[in-house]
Amino acid sequence: MKVSKEQAELNRIALLDAASRLYRRHGFDGVGVAQIAREAGLTHGSLYGHFESKDHYAAEACAHAFKKSLDLLKRFDDDGDQPLASFRRRYLSEAYRDDPGNGCTIAALAADAARKPGPVAETMTQGIESFIDAFTERLDGREHAMTTLSMMVGALILARASAQANASLSKELLDTVLGTLDEPGA
């Protein structure tokens, strides 16, 4: 039975949503095609008709996740007079730390992307650049944007890595970086 163009596009979006969530939760090599299709409520055969290769699919899933994160950042723009403050508080929270499947693509997948040349590494690089640009628009200069992004991502990665073994250290990492970034002039 042939699927309409509208349904095909809905299926594609469902696959990208599922893949971006599962990749961020388990890494690129921790998820199979069948698991992604099942999460999307589709058969794994449907995935092959939408994407050129597994690497291209992973790259598109990353791009999809980056777009959603940048859209979220834009929604925080109206929260007060300090750019990024609400976004930082959400990002550097225990709830965000504990939900990598719906969290930061950079924090979840940058190390994996560094070992995947080609479309995944290219998409990760473009996504990082997009966040630097978005932060630069909201802060005073590119260097400040790069420093802020690096501190946030680094704190989140370290907090996730230490959460199970030392929850207080994990929370301290988040709180310390948030406090530093919330200081006047930071």
C-alpha atoms as a PDB file:
ATOM      1  CA  MET A   1       0.000   0.000   0.000  1.00  0.00           C
ATOM      2  CA  LYS A   2       1.455   3.343  -1.092  1.00  0.00           C
ATOM      3  CA  VAL A   3       1.805   6.028   1.561  1.00  0.00           C
ATOM      4  CA  SER A   4       0.755   9.620   0.797  1.00  0.00           C
ATOM      5  CA  LYS A   5       3.407  12.339   0.642  1.00  0.00           C
ATOM      6  CA  GLU A   6       2.001  13.862   3.807  1.00  0.00           C
ATOM      7  CA  GLN A   7       2.170  10.546   5.672  1.00  0.00           C
ATOM      8  CA  ALA A   8       5.671   9.887   4.335  1.00  0.00           C
ATOM      9  CA  GLU A   9       6.810  13.250   5.739  1.00  0.00           C
ATOM     10  CA  LEU A  10       5.157  12.516   9.098  1.00  0.00           C
ATOM     11  CA  ASN A  11       6.933   9.134   9.150  1.00  0.00           C
ATOM     12  CA  ARG A  12      10.247  10.829   8.348  1.00  0.00           C
ATOM     13  CA  ILE A  13       9.794  13.294  11.208  1.00  0.00           C
ATOM     14  CA  ALA A  14       8.826  10.472  13.582  1.00  0.00           C
ATOM     15  CA  LEU A  15      11.986   8.588  12.602  1.00  0.00           C
ATOM     16  CA  LEU A  16      14.159  11.683  13.118  1.00  0.00           C
ATOM     17  CA  ASP A  17      12.539  12.418  16.491  1.00  0.00           C
ATOM     18  CA  ALA A  18      13.102   8.831  17.632  1.00  0.00           C
ATOM     19  CA  ALA A  19      16.670   8.662  16.337  1.00  0.00           C
ATOM     20  CA  SER A  20      17.711  12.004  17.793  1.00  0.00           C
ATOM     21  CA  ARG A  21      16.312  10.986  21.200  1.00  0.00           C
ATOM     22  CA  LEU A  22      17.848   7.491  21.160  1.00  0.00           C
ATOM     23  CA  TYR A  23      21.224   8.626  19.820  1.00  0.00           C
ATOM     24  CA  ARG A  24      21.502  11.262  22.546  1.00  0.00           C
ATOM     25  CA  ARG A  25      20.530   8.692  25.174  1.00  0.00           C
ATOM     26  CA  HIS A  26      22.696   5.759  23.957  1.00  0.00           C
ATOM     27  CA  GLY A  27      25.239   7.135  21.456  1.00  0.00           C
ATOM     28  CA  PHE A  28      25.460   6.416  17.744  1.00  0.00           C
ATOM     29  CA  ASP A  29      26.698   2.865  18.173  1.00  0.00           C
ATOM     30  CA  GLY A  30      24.276   2.043  20.992  1.00  0.00           C
ATOM     31  CA  VAL A  31      21.161   2.121  18.812  1.00  0.00           C
ATOM     32  CA  GLY A  32      20.066  -0.053  15.909  1.00  0.00           C
ATOM     33  CA  VAL A  33      17.759   0.681  13.008  1.00  0.00           C
ATOM     34  CA  ALA A  34      15.072  -1.668  14.327  1.00  0.00           C
ATOM     35  CA  GLN A  35      15.059   0.077  17.716  1.00  0.00           C
ATOM     36  CA  ILE A  36      14.692   3.497  16.090  1.00  0.00           C
ATOM     37  CA  ALA A  37      11.830   2.317  13.872  1.00  0.00           C
ATOM     38  CA  ARG A  38      10.096   0.663  16.831  1.00  0.00           C
ATOM     39  CA  GLU A  39      10.434   3.868  18.885  1.00  0.00           C
ATOM     40  CA  ALA A  40       8.859   5.780  15.969  1.00  0.00           C
ATOM     41  CA  GLY A  41       6.048   3.225  15.687  1.00  0.00           C
ATOM     42  CA  LEU A  42       7.173   2.088  12.235  1.00  0.00           C
ATOM     43  CA  THR A  43       8.894  -0.898  10.640  1.00  0.00           C
ATOM     44  CA  HIS A  44      12.636  -0.819  10.050  1.00  0.00           C
ATOM     45  CA  GLY A  45      12.016  -1.157   6.307  1.00  0.00           C
ATOM     46  CA  SER A  46      10.374   2.270   6.313  1.00  0.00           C
ATOM     47  CA  LEU A  47      13.626   3.833   7.465  1.00  0.00           C
ATOM     48  CA  TYR A  48      15.600   2.774   4.396  1.00  0.00           C
ATOM     49  CA  GLY A  49      13.285   4.574   1.987  1.00  0.00           C
ATOM     50  CA  HIS A  50      13.927   7.928   3.661  1.00  0.00           C
ATOM     51  CA  PHE A  51      17.697   8.070   4.036  1.00  0.00           C
ATOM     52  CA  GLU A  52      20.772   7.478   1.870  1.00  0.00           C
ATOM     53  CA  SER A  53      22.805   5.621   4.514  1.00  0.00           C
ATOM     54  CA  LYS A  54      23.047   5.083   8.265  1.00  0.00           C
ATOM     55  CA  ASP A  55      25.648   7.873   8.543  1.00  0.00           C
ATOM     56  CA  HIS A  56      23.445  10.285   6.598  1.00  0.00           C
ATOM     57  CA  TYR A  57      20.528   9.280   8.787  1.00  0.00           C
ATOM     58  CA  ALA A  58      22.548   9.899  11.960  1.00  0.00           C
ATOM     59  CA  ALA A  59      23.636  13.282  10.589  1.00  0.00           C
ATOM     60  CA  GLU A  60      20.030  14.244   9.812  1.00  0.00           C
ATOM     61  CA  ALA A  61      18.949  13.143  13.282  1.00  0.00           C
ATOM     62  CA  CYS A  62      21.644  15.410  14.763  1.00  0.00           C
ATOM     63  CA  ALA A  63      20.563  18.321  12.580  1.00  0.00           C
ATOM     64  CA  HIS A  64      16.969  17.707  13.675  1.00  0.00           C
ATOM     65  CA  ALA A  65      17.990  17.773  17.349  1.00  0.00           C
ATOM     66  CA  PHE A  66      20.034  20.958  16.864  1.00  0.00           C
ATOM     67  CA  LYS A  67      17.074  22.695  15.220  1.00  0.00           C
ATOM     68  CA  LYS A  68      14.804  21.782  18.125  1.00  0.00           C
ATOM     69  CA  SER A  69      17.367  23.071  20.645  1.00  0.00           C
ATOM     70  CA  LEU A  70      17.840  26.346  18.774  1.00  0.00           C
ATOM     71  CA  ASP A  71      14.060  26.765  18.594  1.00  0.00           C
ATOM     72  CA  LEU A  72      13.946  26.257  22.374  1.00  0.00           C
ATOM     73  CA  LEU A  73      16.662  28.875  22.875  1.00  0.00           C
ATOM     74  CA  LYS A  74      14.578  31.376  20.868  1.00  0.00           C
ATOM     75  CA  ARG A  75      11.580  30.744  23.125  1.00  0.00           C
ATOM     76  CA  PHE A  76      13.674  31.780  26.144  1.00  0.00           C
ATOM     77  CA  ASP A  77      14.584  35.157  24.619  1.00  0.00           C
ATOM     78  CA  ASP A  78      11.601  36.920  26.208  1.00  0.00           C
ATOM     79  CA  ASP A  79      12.392  35.754  29.762  1.00  0.00           C
ATOM     80  CA  GLY A  80      13.774  38.916  31.321  1.00  0.00           C
ATOM     81  CA  ASP A  81      16.516  41.330  30.467  1.00  0.00           C
ATOM     82  CA  GLN A  82      19.552  39.030  30.704  1.00  0.00           C
ATOM     83  CA  PRO A  83      19.988  37.014  27.516  1.00  0.00           C
ATOM     84  CA  LEU A  84      20.350  33.280  28.056  1.00  0.00           C
ATOM     85  CA  ALA A  85      19.677  33.352  31.818  1.00  0.00           C
ATOM     86  CA  SER A  86      16.538  31.186  31.738  1.00  0.00           C
ATOM     87  CA  PHE A  87      18.065  28.897  29.147  1.00  0.00           C
ATOM     88  CA  ARG A  88      21.213  28.461  31.294  1.00  0.00           C
ATOM     89  CA  ARG A  89      19.146  27.663  34.392  1.00  0.00           C
ATOM     90  CA  ARG A  90      17.265  24.969  32.488  1.00  0.00           C
ATOM     91  CA  TYR A  91      20.416  23.609  30.836  1.00  0.00           C
ATOM     92  CA  LEU A  92      22.437  23.472  34.066  1.00  0.00           C
ATOM     93  CA  SER A  93      19.739  21.703  36.068  1.00  0.00           C
ATOM     94  CA  GLU A  94      19.589  18.197  37.498  1.00  0.00           C
ATOM     95  CA  ALA A  95      16.458  17.471  35.452  1.00  0.00           C
ATOM     96  CA  TYR A  96      18.236  18.349  32.200  1.00  0.00           C
ATOM     97  CA  ARG A  97      21.325  16.403  33.282  1.00  0.00           C
ATOM     98  CA  ASP A  98      19.169  13.333  33.891  1.00  0.00           C
ATOM     99  CA  ASP A  99      17.406  13.442  30.513  1.00  0.00           C
ATOM    100  CA  PRO A 100      20.077  13.180  27.807  1.00  0.00           C
ATOM    101  CA  GLY A 101      17.574  11.835  25.281  1.00  0.00           C
ATOM    102  CA  ASN A 102      15.863  15.209  25.236  1.00  0.00           C
ATOM    103  CA  GLY A 103      18.954  17.251  25.991  1.00  0.00           C
ATOM    104  CA  CYS A 104      21.948  18.854  24.380  1.00  0.00           C
ATOM    105  CA  THR A 105      23.206  17.187  21.221  1.00  0.00           C
ATOM    106  CA  ILE A 106      26.703  18.548  21.773  1.00  0.00           C
ATOM    107  CA  ALA A 107      27.018  17.198  25.318  1.00  0.00           C
ATOM    108  CA  ALA A 108      25.547  13.834  24.357  1.00  0.00           C
ATOM    109  CA  LEU A 109      27.249  13.178  21.017  1.00  0.00           C
ATOM    110  CA  ALA A 110      30.314  15.378  20.434  1.00  0.00           C
ATOM    111  CA  ALA A 111      32.790  12.687  21.497  1.00  0.00           C
ATOM    112  CA  ASP A 112      31.033  10.133  19.265  1.00  0.00           C
ATOM    113  CA  ALA A 113      30.967  12.576  16.345  1.00  0.00           C
ATOM    114  CA  ALA A 114      34.706  13.145  16.669  1.00  0.00           C
ATOM    115  CA  ARG A 115      35.174   9.460  15.823  1.00  0.00           C
ATOM    116  CA  LYS A 116      32.750   9.531  12.871  1.00  0.00           C
ATOM    117  CA  PRO A 117      34.216  11.359   9.901  1.00  0.00           C
ATOM    118  CA  GLY A 118      31.892  12.466   7.154  1.00  0.00           C
ATOM    119  CA  PRO A 119      28.303  13.653   7.450  1.00  0.00           C
ATOM    120  CA  VAL A 120      27.998  13.187  11.227  1.00  0.00           C
ATOM    121  CA  ALA A 121      31.143  15.203  12.005  1.00  0.00           C
ATOM    122  CA  GLU A 122      30.092  17.861   9.496  1.00  0.00           C
ATOM    123  CA  THR A 123      26.628  18.160  11.033  1.00  0.00           C
ATOM    124  CA  MET A 124      28.055  18.336  14.552  1.00  0.00           C
ATOM    125  CA  THR A 125      30.430  21.100  13.467  1.00  0.00           C
ATOM    126  CA  GLN A 126      27.588  23.038  11.839  1.00  0.00           C
ATOM    127  CA  GLY A 127      25.457  22.604  14.954  1.00  0.00           C
ATOM    128  CA  ILE A 128      28.234  23.853  17.223  1.00  0.00           C
ATOM    129  CA  GLU A 129      28.741  26.843  14.932  1.00  0.00           C
ATOM    130  CA  SER A 130      24.979  27.528  15.005  1.00  0.00           C
ATOM    131  CA  PHE A 131      25.024  27.619  18.795  1.00  0.00           C
ATOM    132  CA  ILE A 132      28.072  29.882  18.840  1.00  0.00           C
ATOM    133  CA  ASP A 133      26.258  32.224  16.433  1.00  0.00           C
ATOM    134  CA  ALA A 134      23.065  32.117  18.514  1.00  0.00           C
ATOM    135  CA  PHE A 135      24.987  32.862  21.713  1.00  0.00           C
ATOM    136  CA  THR A 136      26.982  35.611  19.973  1.00  0.00           C
ATOM    137  CA  GLU A 137      23.694  37.346  19.070  1.00  0.00           C
ATOM    138  CA  ARG A 138      22.741  37.329  22.750  1.00  0.00           C
ATOM    139  CA  LEU A 139      26.121  38.112  24.342  1.00  0.00           C
ATOM    140  CA  ASP A 140      28.923  40.605  23.811  1.00  0.00           C
ATOM    141  CA  GLY A 141      31.082  38.915  21.222  1.00  0.00           C
ATOM    142  CA  ARG A 142      32.066  35.581  19.741  1.00  0.00           C
ATOM    143  CA  GLU A 143      34.752  34.799  22.339  1.00  0.00           C
ATOM    144  CA  HIS A 144      32.250  35.293  25.154  1.00  0.00           C
ATOM    145  CA  ALA A 145      29.761  33.077  23.305  1.00  0.00           C
ATOM    146  CA  MET A 146      32.357  30.328  22.821  1.00  0.00           C
ATOM    147  CA  THR A 147      33.418  30.479  26.465  1.00  0.00           C
ATOM    148  CA  THR A 148      29.822  30.356  27.703  1.00  0.00           C
ATOM    149  CA  LEU A 149      28.897  27.436  25.461  1.00  0.00           C
ATOM    150  CA  SER A 150      32.059  25.544  26.415  1.00  0.00           C
ATOM    151  CA  MET A 151      31.449  26.058  30.128  1.00  0.00           C
ATOM    152  CA  MET A 152      27.833  24.929  29.875  1.00  0.00           C
ATOM    153  CA  VAL A 153      28.576  21.837  27.785  1.00  0.00           C
ATOM    154  CA  GLY A 154      31.603  20.912  29.880  1.00  0.00           C
ATOM    155  CA  ALA A 155      29.677  21.237  33.139  1.00  0.00           C
ATOM    156  CA  LEU A 156      26.836  19.116  31.790  1.00  0.00           C
ATOM    157  CA  ILE A 157      29.184  16.372  30.578  1.00  0.00           C
ATOM    158  CA  LEU A 158      31.066  16.283  33.896  1.00  0.00           C
ATOM    159  CA  ALA A 159      27.822  16.378  35.893  1.00  0.00           C
ATOM    160  CA  ARG A 160      26.437  13.440  33.914  1.00  0.00           C
ATOM    161  CA  ALA A 161      29.663  11.497  34.305  1.00  0.00           C
ATOM    162  CA  SER A 162      29.683  11.919  38.087  1.00  0.00           C
ATOM    163  CA  ALA A 163      25.931  11.807  38.868  1.00  0.00           C
ATOM    164  CA  GLN A 164      25.680   8.124  39.817  1.00  0.00           C
ATOM    165  CA  ALA A 165      28.874   7.856  41.822  1.00  0.00           C
ATOM    166  CA  ASN A 166      28.754  11.265  43.505  1.00  0.00           C
ATOM    167  CA  ALA A 167      25.472  13.146  43.191  1.00  0.00           C
ATOM    168  CA  SER A 168      26.669  16.040  45.338  1.00  0.00           C
ATOM    169  CA  LEU A 169      29.720  16.624  43.120  1.00  0.00           C
ATOM    170  CA  SER A 170      27.475  16.466  40.064  1.00  0.00           C
ATOM    171  CA  LYS A 171      25.123  19.103  41.473  1.00  0.00           C
ATOM    172  CA  GLU A 172      28.058  21.224  42.619  1.00  0.00           C
ATOM    173  CA  LEU A 173      29.445  21.268  39.063  1.00  0.00           C
ATOM    174  CA  LEU A 174      26.118  22.472  37.670  1.00  0.00           C
ATOM    175  CA  ASP A 175      25.596  25.059  40.409  1.00  0.00           C
ATOM    176  CA  THR A 176      29.155  26.403  40.235  1.00  0.00           C
ATOM    177  CA  VAL A 177      29.112  26.979  36.491  1.00  0.00           C
ATOM    178  CA  LEU A 178      25.607  28.441  36.639  1.00  0.00           C
ATOM    179  CA  GLY A 179      26.706  30.800  39.427  1.00  0.00           C
ATOM    180  CA  THR A 180      29.758  31.857  37.454  1.00  0.00           C
ATOM    181  CA  LEU A 181      27.736  32.509  34.309  1.00  0.00           C
ATOM    182  CA  ASP A 182      25.068  34.422  36.244  1.00  0.00           C
ATOM    183  CA  GLU A 183      27.631  36.843  37.724  1.00  0.00           C
ATOM    184  CA  PRO A 184      27.379  40.390  36.356  1.00  0.00           C
ATOM    185  CA  GLY A 185      29.553  40.729  33.289  1.00  0.00           C
ATOM    186  CA  ALA A 186      29.785  36.990  32.726  1.00  0.00           C
END
